[in-house]
């Protein structure tokens, strides 16, 4: 039995990286019998070993992040920023070494800390730790600083040079893992690094999510009636998620003849839609503070109000798992999976994703999905044959508020297809069952077990 440690700026949340780490843990711990530890910057999840400096919102980490990737404004010179980065790296390095030594860690698996670009000090620290300890490492890169997500852009030569040298570390005992074919090609072209593609997966062996005594009141908890149509946006609330496109579609669905055609449709709660029913877009993910604009949620709310779309946020009441504290002992805290149980449709209009976790979750929940065909969808997911309501693959530009748009005819066609699908239960069932079978074949935990086992040092494979 080996001791294997996962590292990330935060773990135990509903973001894609946290959820994927949980799946790797199941393989390593439950199927292969290893001891698995989590080390992260957030202190709100029991069991995580906490190094506060790993967290993006740690004061110094945040200062470096904002000045190094958004706007250089708090330093008189690059030399001052560089001094802070390397001093911060030393702090992280020593705390990592203590954790590794105290726990007898045999294998390091940093997730995104050495690729995404948010944590220059952490990437330097991991490079040094891997060299000093000689331990094997699997660098799991879900995102890269050079990708066209628009999230990370070095503000100065100091940060750009750190990206070039340390993101990701090119060391003999390091195995590199990426989550899609585009990243695999780019890391080879840019860094001459060979990487293994391990797609994000889902546990299709678990029981289906169903209404139970715990989640039965999910709709009422957020003021949503049983006769309302509930469209679920399960991702984090972050600029590149393209949630404004879902608002555009639902603005059309909610008015005129299309809205009239929804009357009589039976919702997931088992109640027919009538004239009093609302079309609700519920965002279940956290409002992400690391983004391009920093005001994305406010922009979404303003747009929804302008277009008459009923937009809501589940806040802290939808989290990684049931029953976590949410500031009020009298309020139920639901898991992310509970939100799918009560939904009629899932919106997934991201224009940039490293993979598509919430899409596969929607497929497991047997829900239809509205998709913008982002690049990795086109390269990795779409070719398997999934059937979706598509917004196309081309953005038309940005509006006066900086929110993305697609051609009006795309919005109109998608809205018509959504309404037609909701009104045709047989077609809907055929679509979701087909998608389920495809995902089960290509993106299951059994697939992950084969791939992860092959990545481990030989002595850890049994």
Protein backbone atom coordinates (compact mmCIF):
# COMPACT_ATOMS: atom_id res chain seq x y z
CA UNK A 1 0.00 0.00 0.00
CA UNK A 2 1.34 3.40 -1.01
CA UNK A 3 0.43 6.83 0.37
CA UNK A 4 -0.77 9.07 -2.44
CA UNK A 5 -1.50 12.77 -2.02
CA UNK A 6 -3.68 15.01 -4.17
CA UNK A 7 -3.00 18.74 -4.19
CA UNK A 8 -5.17 21.60 -5.41
CA UNK A 9 -5.90 25.19 -4.39
CA UNK A 10 -9.24 23.86 -3.06
CA UNK A 11 -10.77 20.40 -2.79
CA UNK A 12 -14.09 18.98 -1.65
CA UNK A 13 -16.18 21.42 -3.67
CA UNK A 14 -18.56 21.07 -6.66
CA UNK A 15 -16.09 22.35 -9.28
CA UNK A 16 -14.92 19.93 -11.95
CA UNK A 17 -11.41 19.47 -10.57
CA UNK A 18 -12.65 18.59 -7.07
CA UNK A 19 -15.20 16.14 -8.43
CA UNK A 20 -12.64 14.46 -10.67
CA UNK A 21 -10.14 14.11 -7.82
CA UNK A 22 -12.88 12.37 -5.84
CA UNK A 23 -13.24 9.83 -8.65
CA UNK A 24 -9.51 9.16 -8.79
CA UNK A 25 -9.62 8.68 -5.03
CA UNK A 26 -12.26 5.97 -5.39
CA UNK A 27 -10.03 4.11 -7.86
CA UNK A 28 -6.85 4.44 -5.82
CA UNK A 29 -8.37 3.88 -2.39
CA UNK A 30 -11.30 1.52 -2.87
CA UNK A 31 -10.23 -0.47 -5.91
CA UNK A 32 -6.42 -0.51 -5.61
CA UNK A 33 -6.11 -0.32 -1.82
CA UNK A 34 -3.86 2.71 -1.43
CA UNK A 35 -3.96 5.36 1.28
CA UNK A 36 -5.13 8.68 -0.20
CA UNK A 37 -4.69 12.15 1.29
CA UNK A 38 -5.99 15.58 0.24
CA UNK A 39 -3.89 18.72 0.63
CA UNK A 40 -5.45 22.04 -0.30
CA UNK A 41 -5.81 25.67 0.70
CA UNK A 42 -9.44 25.61 1.86
CA UNK A 43 -10.17 24.80 5.50
CA UNK A 44 -13.92 24.17 5.17
CA UNK A 45 -13.78 20.47 4.28
CA UNK A 46 -13.07 17.92 7.02
CA UNK A 47 -10.08 15.70 6.34
CA UNK A 48 -8.14 18.02 4.03
CA UNK A 49 -4.60 18.87 5.13
CA UNK A 50 -4.56 22.66 4.87
CA UNK A 51 -1.77 24.80 3.46
CA UNK A 52 -3.48 28.22 3.40
CA UNK A 53 -1.07 29.67 0.83
CA UNK A 54 -2.38 27.23 -1.81
CA UNK A 55 -5.79 28.87 -1.71
CA UNK A 56 -6.38 31.47 -4.41
CA UNK A 57 -8.04 33.78 -1.88
CA UNK A 58 -5.13 33.73 0.57
CA UNK A 59 -4.11 37.43 0.78
CA UNK A 60 -0.66 37.06 -0.76
CA UNK A 61 -1.73 34.43 -3.29
CA UNK A 62 -4.60 36.67 -4.36
CA UNK A 63 -2.36 39.71 -4.64
CA UNK A 64 0.08 37.81 -6.85
CA UNK A 65 -2.74 36.36 -8.94
CA UNK A 66 -4.41 39.71 -9.60
CA UNK A 67 -1.20 41.57 -10.36
CA UNK A 68 0.35 38.75 -12.35
CA UNK A 69 -2.64 37.70 -14.44
CA UNK A 70 -5.21 40.53 -14.46
CA UNK A 71 -3.69 43.98 -13.89
CA UNK A 72 -0.28 45.02 -12.63
CA UNK A 73 -1.20 47.75 -10.15
CA UNK A 74 0.00 47.10 -6.59
CA UNK A 75 3.77 47.03 -7.22
CA UNK A 76 6.22 49.74 -8.17
CA UNK A 77 8.27 47.34 -10.27
CA UNK A 78 8.37 43.78 -11.62
CA UNK A 79 11.24 43.09 -9.26
CA UNK A 80 8.92 43.64 -6.29
CA UNK A 81 6.34 41.21 -7.67
CA UNK A 82 9.08 38.69 -8.45
CA UNK A 83 10.39 38.96 -4.91
CA UNK A 84 6.93 38.23 -3.49
CA UNK A 85 6.40 35.26 -5.82
CA UNK A 86 9.64 33.54 -4.88
CA UNK A 87 9.27 34.30 -1.17
CA UNK A 88 5.75 32.86 -1.30
CA UNK A 89 7.09 29.81 -3.13
CA UNK A 90 9.55 29.18 -0.30
CA UNK A 91 6.75 29.23 2.26
CA UNK A 92 4.68 26.76 0.23
CA UNK A 93 7.71 24.56 -0.43
CA UNK A 94 8.55 24.15 3.24
CA UNK A 95 4.95 23.39 4.18
CA UNK A 96 4.70 20.83 1.39
CA UNK A 97 7.88 19.14 2.54
CA UNK A 98 6.59 18.96 6.10
CA UNK A 99 3.30 17.41 4.98
CA UNK A 100 5.06 14.91 2.72
CA UNK A 101 7.55 13.95 5.42
CA UNK A 102 5.04 13.70 8.26
CA UNK A 103 2.63 11.57 6.23
CA UNK A 104 5.17 9.45 4.36
CA UNK A 105 3.80 10.40 0.95
CA UNK A 106 5.00 8.15 -1.91
CA UNK A 107 3.32 9.77 -4.92
CA UNK A 108 2.36 13.40 -5.60
CA UNK A 109 -0.62 14.34 -7.78
CA UNK A 110 -0.99 18.12 -8.13
CA UNK A 111 -4.15 19.17 -9.98
CA UNK A 112 -3.99 22.40 -12.01
CA UNK A 113 -1.50 23.99 -9.61
CA UNK A 114 1.25 23.50 -12.21
CA UNK A 115 -0.69 24.31 -15.36
CA UNK A 116 -3.60 26.74 -15.01
CA UNK A 117 -1.50 29.85 -14.40
CA UNK A 118 -3.22 31.09 -11.25
CA UNK A 119 -0.52 29.92 -8.87
CA UNK A 120 3.01 30.86 -10.02
CA UNK A 121 4.40 30.47 -6.49
CA UNK A 122 2.84 27.01 -6.04
CA UNK A 123 4.20 25.79 -9.38
CA UNK A 124 7.70 26.88 -8.39
CA UNK A 125 7.28 25.18 -5.02
CA UNK A 126 6.20 21.88 -6.58
CA UNK A 127 9.08 21.95 -9.02
CA UNK A 128 11.49 22.32 -6.12
CA UNK A 129 9.76 19.70 -3.98
CA UNK A 130 9.79 17.10 -6.75
CA UNK A 131 13.49 17.74 -7.36
CA UNK A 132 14.40 17.72 -3.66
CA UNK A 133 12.46 14.61 -2.70
CA UNK A 134 12.96 12.60 -5.88
CA UNK A 135 9.36 11.40 -5.50
CA UNK A 136 7.36 10.40 -8.56
CA UNK A 137 4.58 12.79 -9.54
CA UNK A 138 1.57 12.77 -11.81
CA UNK A 139 0.93 16.32 -12.95
CA UNK A 140 -2.80 16.38 -13.72
CA UNK A 141 -3.50 19.40 -15.89
CA UNK A 142 -7.18 20.19 -16.36
CA UNK A 143 -6.48 23.65 -17.80
CA UNK A 144 -3.45 25.50 -19.17
CA UNK A 145 -2.51 29.16 -18.97
CA UNK A 146 -2.10 29.28 -22.76
CA UNK A 147 -5.62 28.11 -23.57
CA UNK A 148 -8.12 30.47 -25.14
CA UNK A 149 -10.44 30.62 -22.14
CA UNK A 150 -9.54 34.27 -21.60
CA UNK A 151 -8.99 33.73 -17.88
CA UNK A 152 -5.23 34.02 -17.58
CA UNK A 153 -2.91 36.49 -19.28
CA UNK A 154 0.54 37.27 -17.91
CA UNK A 155 0.80 40.99 -17.17
CA UNK A 156 4.58 41.15 -17.23
CA UNK A 157 7.74 39.35 -18.32
CA UNK A 158 8.35 37.92 -14.84
CA UNK A 159 5.12 35.94 -14.83
CA UNK A 160 5.44 34.96 -18.49
CA UNK A 161 8.91 33.53 -17.85
CA UNK A 162 7.64 31.56 -14.82
CA UNK A 163 4.90 30.11 -17.01
CA UNK A 164 7.46 29.10 -19.60
CA UNK A 165 9.77 27.39 -17.09
CA UNK A 166 7.46 25.84 -14.53
CA UNK A 167 4.05 25.29 -16.17
CA UNK A 168 4.16 22.33 -16.11
CA UNK A 169 7.44 21.03 -14.61
CA UNK A 170 9.52 19.01 -17.03
CA UNK A 171 11.35 16.57 -14.76
CA UNK A 172 12.38 12.90 -15.22
CA UNK A 173 10.08 11.43 -12.54
CA UNK A 174 6.99 13.34 -13.71
CA UNK A 175 4.16 11.79 -15.71
CA UNK A 176 1.88 14.29 -17.42
CA UNK A 177 -1.89 13.84 -17.71
CA UNK A 178 -4.29 16.05 -19.66
CA UNK A 179 -8.04 15.70 -20.10
CA UNK A 180 -8.51 16.21 -23.82
CA UNK A 181 -6.82 15.78 -27.19
CA UNK A 182 -6.42 19.50 -27.84
CA UNK A 183 -4.34 19.93 -24.67
CA UNK A 184 -2.30 16.82 -25.54
CA UNK A 185 -1.38 18.29 -28.92
CA UNK A 186 -0.66 21.76 -27.56
CA UNK A 187 1.60 20.65 -24.72
CA UNK A 188 3.64 18.62 -27.19
CA UNK A 189 3.86 21.52 -29.63
CA UNK A 190 4.66 24.18 -27.03
CA UNK A 191 6.68 22.27 -24.45
CA UNK A 192 7.78 19.06 -26.21
CA UNK A 193 6.09 17.12 -23.42
CA UNK A 194 4.31 13.85 -24.07
CA UNK A 195 1.07 13.60 -22.09
CA UNK A 196 -1.54 10.92 -21.58
CA UNK A 197 -5.20 11.79 -22.14
CA UNK A 198 -7.40 10.68 -19.23
CA UNK A 199 -10.93 11.94 -19.87
CA UNK A 200 -13.11 12.98 -16.99
CA UNK A 201 -15.51 10.16 -16.16
CA UNK A 202 -18.54 9.35 -14.10
CA UNK A 203 -19.64 6.50 -11.84
CA UNK A 204 -22.37 4.83 -13.87
CA UNK A 205 -22.52 1.95 -11.36
CA UNK A 206 -24.10 4.10 -8.66
CA UNK A 207 -27.86 4.04 -8.11
CA UNK A 208 -29.78 6.61 -10.15
CA UNK A 209 -30.51 9.90 -8.42
CA UNK A 210 -34.13 9.97 -7.34
CA UNK A 211 -36.57 12.01 -5.32
CA UNK A 212 -36.35 11.04 -1.66
CA UNK A 213 -37.34 12.48 1.68
CA UNK A 214 -34.22 14.64 1.76
CA UNK A 215 -34.57 16.38 -1.62
CA UNK A 216 -38.35 16.23 -1.99
CA UNK A 217 -38.66 19.92 -1.06
CA UNK A 218 -35.82 21.10 -3.33
CA UNK A 219 -38.07 23.12 -5.59
CA UNK A 220 -40.00 24.79 -2.79
CA UNK A 221 -36.73 25.66 -1.04
CA UNK A 222 -35.98 28.01 -3.92
CA UNK A 223 -39.52 29.21 -4.52
CA UNK A 224 -40.04 27.02 -7.58
CA UNK A 225 -43.50 25.50 -7.99
CA UNK A 226 -44.11 21.94 -9.17
CA UNK A 227 -45.73 23.33 -12.30
CA UNK A 228 -42.72 25.48 -13.19
CA UNK A 229 -40.21 24.32 -15.80
CA UNK A 230 -36.80 24.13 -14.18
CA UNK A 231 -33.72 24.64 -16.35
CA UNK A 232 -30.56 23.80 -14.40
CA UNK A 233 -27.18 25.46 -14.87
CA UNK A 234 -25.00 23.21 -12.69
CA UNK A 235 -21.62 24.79 -13.43
CA UNK A 236 -19.78 27.43 -11.47
CA UNK A 237 -20.81 30.98 -12.34
CA UNK A 238 -17.81 32.13 -14.32
CA UNK A 239 -17.46 34.22 -17.47
CA UNK A 240 -16.49 31.39 -19.83
CA UNK A 241 -19.56 29.35 -18.86
CA UNK A 242 -21.61 31.41 -21.34
CA UNK A 243 -24.70 31.48 -19.12
CA UNK A 244 -25.91 34.56 -20.97
CA UNK A 245 -26.65 32.29 -23.96
CA UNK A 246 -29.01 30.21 -21.82
CA UNK A 247 -30.74 33.44 -20.80
CA UNK A 248 -31.16 34.35 -24.49
CA UNK A 249 -32.76 30.98 -25.25
CA UNK A 250 -35.07 31.04 -22.25
CA UNK A 251 -36.15 34.58 -23.08
CA UNK A 252 -37.58 33.15 -26.30
CA UNK A 253 -38.97 30.01 -24.64
CA UNK A 254 -40.78 32.15 -22.05
CA UNK A 255 -42.77 34.32 -24.45
CA UNK A 256 -45.28 34.21 -27.28
CA UNK A 257 -46.29 31.08 -29.16
CA UNK A 258 -43.41 29.01 -27.82
CA UNK A 259 -44.55 29.61 -24.27
CA UNK A 260 -48.12 28.71 -25.20
CA UNK A 261 -46.91 25.41 -26.65
CA UNK A 262 -45.50 24.44 -23.24
CA UNK A 263 -48.94 24.36 -21.61
CA UNK A 264 -49.78 20.77 -20.81
CA UNK A 265 -46.15 19.60 -20.64
CA UNK A 266 -45.57 17.58 -17.48
CA UNK A 267 -42.66 18.83 -15.37
CA UNK A 268 -40.09 16.72 -13.52
CA UNK A 269 -42.24 17.24 -10.42
CA UNK A 270 -45.16 15.56 -12.17
CA UNK A 271 -47.37 18.63 -12.60
CA UNK A 272 -48.67 19.95 -15.95
CA UNK A 273 -47.52 23.37 -17.09
CA UNK A 274 -50.31 25.95 -17.27
CA UNK A 275 -50.68 29.71 -17.72
CA UNK A 276 -49.36 30.38 -14.20
CA UNK A 277 -46.20 28.31 -14.65
CA UNK A 278 -42.82 29.99 -14.86
CA UNK A 279 -39.71 29.08 -16.81
CA UNK A 280 -36.88 29.21 -14.26
CA UNK A 281 -33.12 29.16 -14.81
CA UNK A 282 -31.51 27.97 -11.57
CA UNK A 283 -27.74 28.33 -11.17
CA UNK A 284 -26.53 25.74 -8.67
CA UNK A 285 -22.78 26.41 -8.75
CA UNK A 286 -20.72 28.86 -6.75
CA UNK A 287 -20.20 32.42 -7.94
CA UNK A 288 -16.55 32.24 -8.89
CA UNK A 289 -14.38 35.12 -7.78
CA UNK A 290 -11.59 34.22 -10.20
CA UNK A 291 -12.81 35.48 -13.54
CA UNK A 292 -12.30 37.93 -16.33
CA UNK A 293 -14.70 40.64 -15.28
CA UNK A 294 -15.25 39.99 -11.59
CA UNK A 295 -18.83 41.19 -12.06
CA UNK A 296 -20.24 38.37 -14.17
CA UNK A 297 -23.12 37.40 -11.87
CA UNK A 298 -24.29 41.00 -11.66
CA UNK A 299 -24.19 41.21 -15.46
CA UNK A 300 -26.23 38.02 -15.77
CA UNK A 301 -28.86 39.26 -13.34
CA UNK A 302 -29.16 42.56 -15.19
CA UNK A 303 -29.57 40.80 -18.53
CA UNK A 304 -32.15 38.35 -17.14
CA UNK A 305 -34.16 41.23 -15.66
CA UNK A 306 -34.04 43.10 -18.95
CA UNK A 307 -35.25 40.06 -20.92
CA UNK A 308 -37.80 38.92 -18.36
CA UNK A 309 -36.05 35.63 -17.51
CA UNK A 310 -36.58 34.17 -14.03
CA UNK A 311 -32.94 33.67 -12.98
CA UNK A 312 -32.08 32.31 -9.54
CA UNK A 313 -29.05 31.19 -7.59
CA UNK A 314 -28.98 28.27 -5.16
CA UNK A 315 -26.21 29.95 -3.18
CA UNK A 316 -24.60 27.94 -0.39
CA UNK A 317 -27.54 25.56 -0.24
CA UNK A 318 -26.19 23.36 -3.04
CA UNK A 319 -22.77 22.01 -2.22
CA UNK A 320 -20.45 19.07 -2.64
CA UNK A 321 -22.54 16.81 -0.41
CA UNK A 322 -25.64 16.94 1.77
CA UNK A 323 -25.73 18.41 5.22
CA UNK A 324 -22.77 20.78 5.21
CA UNK A 325 -23.11 23.96 7.23
CA UNK A 326 -24.47 26.84 5.20
CA UNK A 327 -24.81 29.60 7.75
CA UNK A 328 -28.19 28.52 9.03
CA UNK A 329 -28.91 25.29 10.86
CA UNK A 330 -32.56 25.54 9.88
CA UNK A 331 -31.87 25.39 6.13
CA UNK A 332 -31.33 22.11 4.30
CA UNK A 333 -28.09 21.89 2.33
CA UNK A 334 -28.49 19.80 -0.81
CA UNK A 335 -25.89 17.97 -2.86
CA UNK A 336 -25.31 18.93 -6.47
CA UNK A 337 -26.96 15.65 -7.45
CA UNK A 338 -30.20 16.69 -5.72
CA UNK A 339 -30.50 19.60 -8.15
CA UNK A 340 -30.55 17.29 -11.17
CA UNK A 341 -33.40 15.21 -9.70
CA UNK A 342 -35.79 18.15 -9.83
CA UNK A 343 -34.70 19.59 -13.19
CA UNK A 344 -36.49 19.38 -16.53
CA UNK A 345 -33.56 20.43 -18.71
CA UNK A 346 -29.86 21.20 -18.32
CA UNK A 347 -28.16 24.20 -19.92
CA UNK A 348 -24.49 23.87 -20.80
CA UNK A 349 -23.62 26.88 -22.97
CA UNK A 350 -19.92 27.17 -22.02
CA UNK A 351 -17.76 28.56 -24.80
CA UNK A 352 -14.62 27.14 -23.16
CA UNK A 353 -14.28 23.96 -21.11
CA UNK A 354 -11.36 21.67 -20.43
CA UNK A 355 -13.79 18.77 -20.58
CA UNK A 356 -17.52 18.70 -19.75
CA UNK A 357 -18.24 17.25 -16.31
CA UNK A 358 -21.68 18.76 -15.90
CA UNK A 359 -22.64 17.54 -19.34
CA UNK A 360 -21.86 13.92 -18.41
CA UNK A 361 -23.68 14.40 -15.09
CA UNK A 362 -26.75 15.54 -17.01
CA UNK A 363 -26.47 12.47 -19.22
CA UNK A 364 -26.35 10.23 -16.14
CA UNK A 365 -29.44 12.02 -14.80
CA UNK A 366 -31.15 11.27 -18.13
CA UNK A 367 -31.84 14.91 -18.87
CA UNK A 368 -31.76 16.69 -22.24
CA UNK A 369 -29.01 19.27 -22.64
CA UNK A 370 -28.61 22.61 -24.41
CA UNK A 371 -24.97 22.87 -25.55
CA UNK A 372 -22.70 25.43 -27.16
CA UNK A 373 -20.20 23.35 -29.11
CA UNK A 374 -16.98 24.54 -27.46
CA UNK A 375 -13.66 23.27 -28.89
CA UNK A 376 -13.23 20.22 -26.64
CA UNK A 377 -16.84 19.23 -27.26
CA UNK A 378 -15.98 19.21 -30.97
CA UNK A 379 -12.72 17.28 -30.52
CA UNK A 380 -13.55 14.77 -27.76
CA UNK A 381 -17.22 14.57 -26.76
CA UNK A 382 -19.30 15.29 -29.84
CA UNK A 383 -17.66 12.63 -32.05
CA UNK A 384 -18.96 9.86 -29.76
CA UNK A 385 -22.47 10.57 -31.02
CA UNK A 386 -24.26 12.46 -28.24
CA UNK A 387 -27.57 14.06 -29.25
CA UNK A 388 -28.12 17.58 -27.89
CA UNK A 389 -29.87 20.85 -28.61
CA UNK A 390 -27.03 22.87 -30.15
CA UNK A 391 -26.24 26.56 -30.15
CA UNK A 392 -23.61 25.96 -32.81
CA UNK A 393 -19.87 26.43 -32.45
CA UNK A 394 -19.42 30.07 -33.47
CA UNK A 395 -19.74 33.12 -31.24
CA UNK A 396 -21.09 36.21 -32.98
CA UNK A 397 -19.22 38.60 -30.67
CA UNK A 398 -19.99 40.45 -27.44
CA UNK A 399 -22.74 42.89 -26.55
CA UNK A 400 -22.33 46.33 -24.98
CA UNK A 401 -21.98 44.70 -21.55
CA UNK A 402 -19.22 42.37 -22.73
CA UNK A 403 -21.40 39.24 -22.68
CA UNK A 404 -21.05 36.77 -25.54
CA UNK A 405 -23.67 36.33 -28.24
CA UNK A 406 -24.48 33.89 -31.03
CA UNK A 407 -26.45 34.56 -34.19
CA UNK A 408 -30.13 35.32 -33.47
CA UNK A 409 -31.25 32.50 -35.75
CA UNK A 410 -29.28 30.06 -33.57
CA UNK A 411 -31.09 31.28 -30.47
CA UNK A 412 -34.45 31.00 -32.23
CA UNK A 413 -33.76 27.50 -33.55
CA UNK A 414 -32.53 26.28 -30.16
CA UNK A 415 -35.58 27.68 -28.38
CA UNK A 416 -37.92 25.99 -30.86
CA UNK A 417 -36.09 22.67 -30.41
CA UNK A 418 -36.25 22.93 -26.62
CA UNK A 419 -40.01 23.46 -26.71
CA UNK A 420 -40.53 20.70 -29.28
CA UNK A 421 -38.49 18.24 -27.21
CA UNK A 422 -40.33 19.03 -23.98
CA UNK A 423 -43.60 18.42 -25.81
CA UNK A 424 -42.51 15.05 -27.21
CA UNK A 425 -41.87 12.61 -24.32
CA UNK A 426 -41.04 9.69 -26.63
CA UNK A 427 -38.35 11.62 -28.49
CA UNK A 428 -36.98 12.96 -25.22
CA UNK A 429 -36.73 9.46 -23.76
CA UNK A 430 -34.98 8.15 -26.86
CA UNK A 431 -32.45 10.99 -26.76
CA UNK A 432 -31.52 10.67 -23.09
CA UNK A 433 -31.29 6.86 -23.21
CA UNK A 434 -29.02 7.00 -26.25
CA UNK A 435 -26.78 9.55 -24.54
CA UNK A 436 -26.64 7.45 -21.37
CA UNK A 437 -25.46 4.39 -23.29
CA UNK A 438 -22.74 6.37 -25.08
CA UNK A 439 -21.41 7.91 -21.88
CA UNK A 440 -21.48 4.58 -20.04
CA UNK A 441 -19.37 3.04 -22.81
CA UNK A 442 -16.75 5.79 -23.09
CA UNK A 443 -16.60 7.65 -19.76
CA UNK A 444 -17.12 5.17 -16.92
CA UNK A 445 -15.15 4.45 -13.74
CA UNK A 446 -13.98 1.17 -15.27
CA UNK A 447 -12.30 3.16 -18.04
CA UNK A 448 -10.70 5.40 -15.42
CA UNK A 449 -9.38 2.42 -13.45
CA UNK A 450 -7.57 1.06 -16.50
CA UNK A 451 -6.00 4.41 -17.31
CA UNK A 452 -5.00 5.36 -13.76
CA UNK A 453 -3.50 1.95 -13.02
CA UNK A 454 -1.27 2.25 -16.08
CA UNK A 455 -0.02 5.67 -14.87
CA UNK A 456 1.19 4.42 -11.47
CA UNK A 457 4.78 3.36 -10.79
CA UNK A 458 5.02 -0.44 -11.29
CA UNK A 459 5.12 -1.22 -7.57
CA UNK A 460 1.79 0.58 -6.97
CA UNK A 461 -0.31 -1.17 -9.62
CA UNK A 462 -1.50 -4.10 -7.52
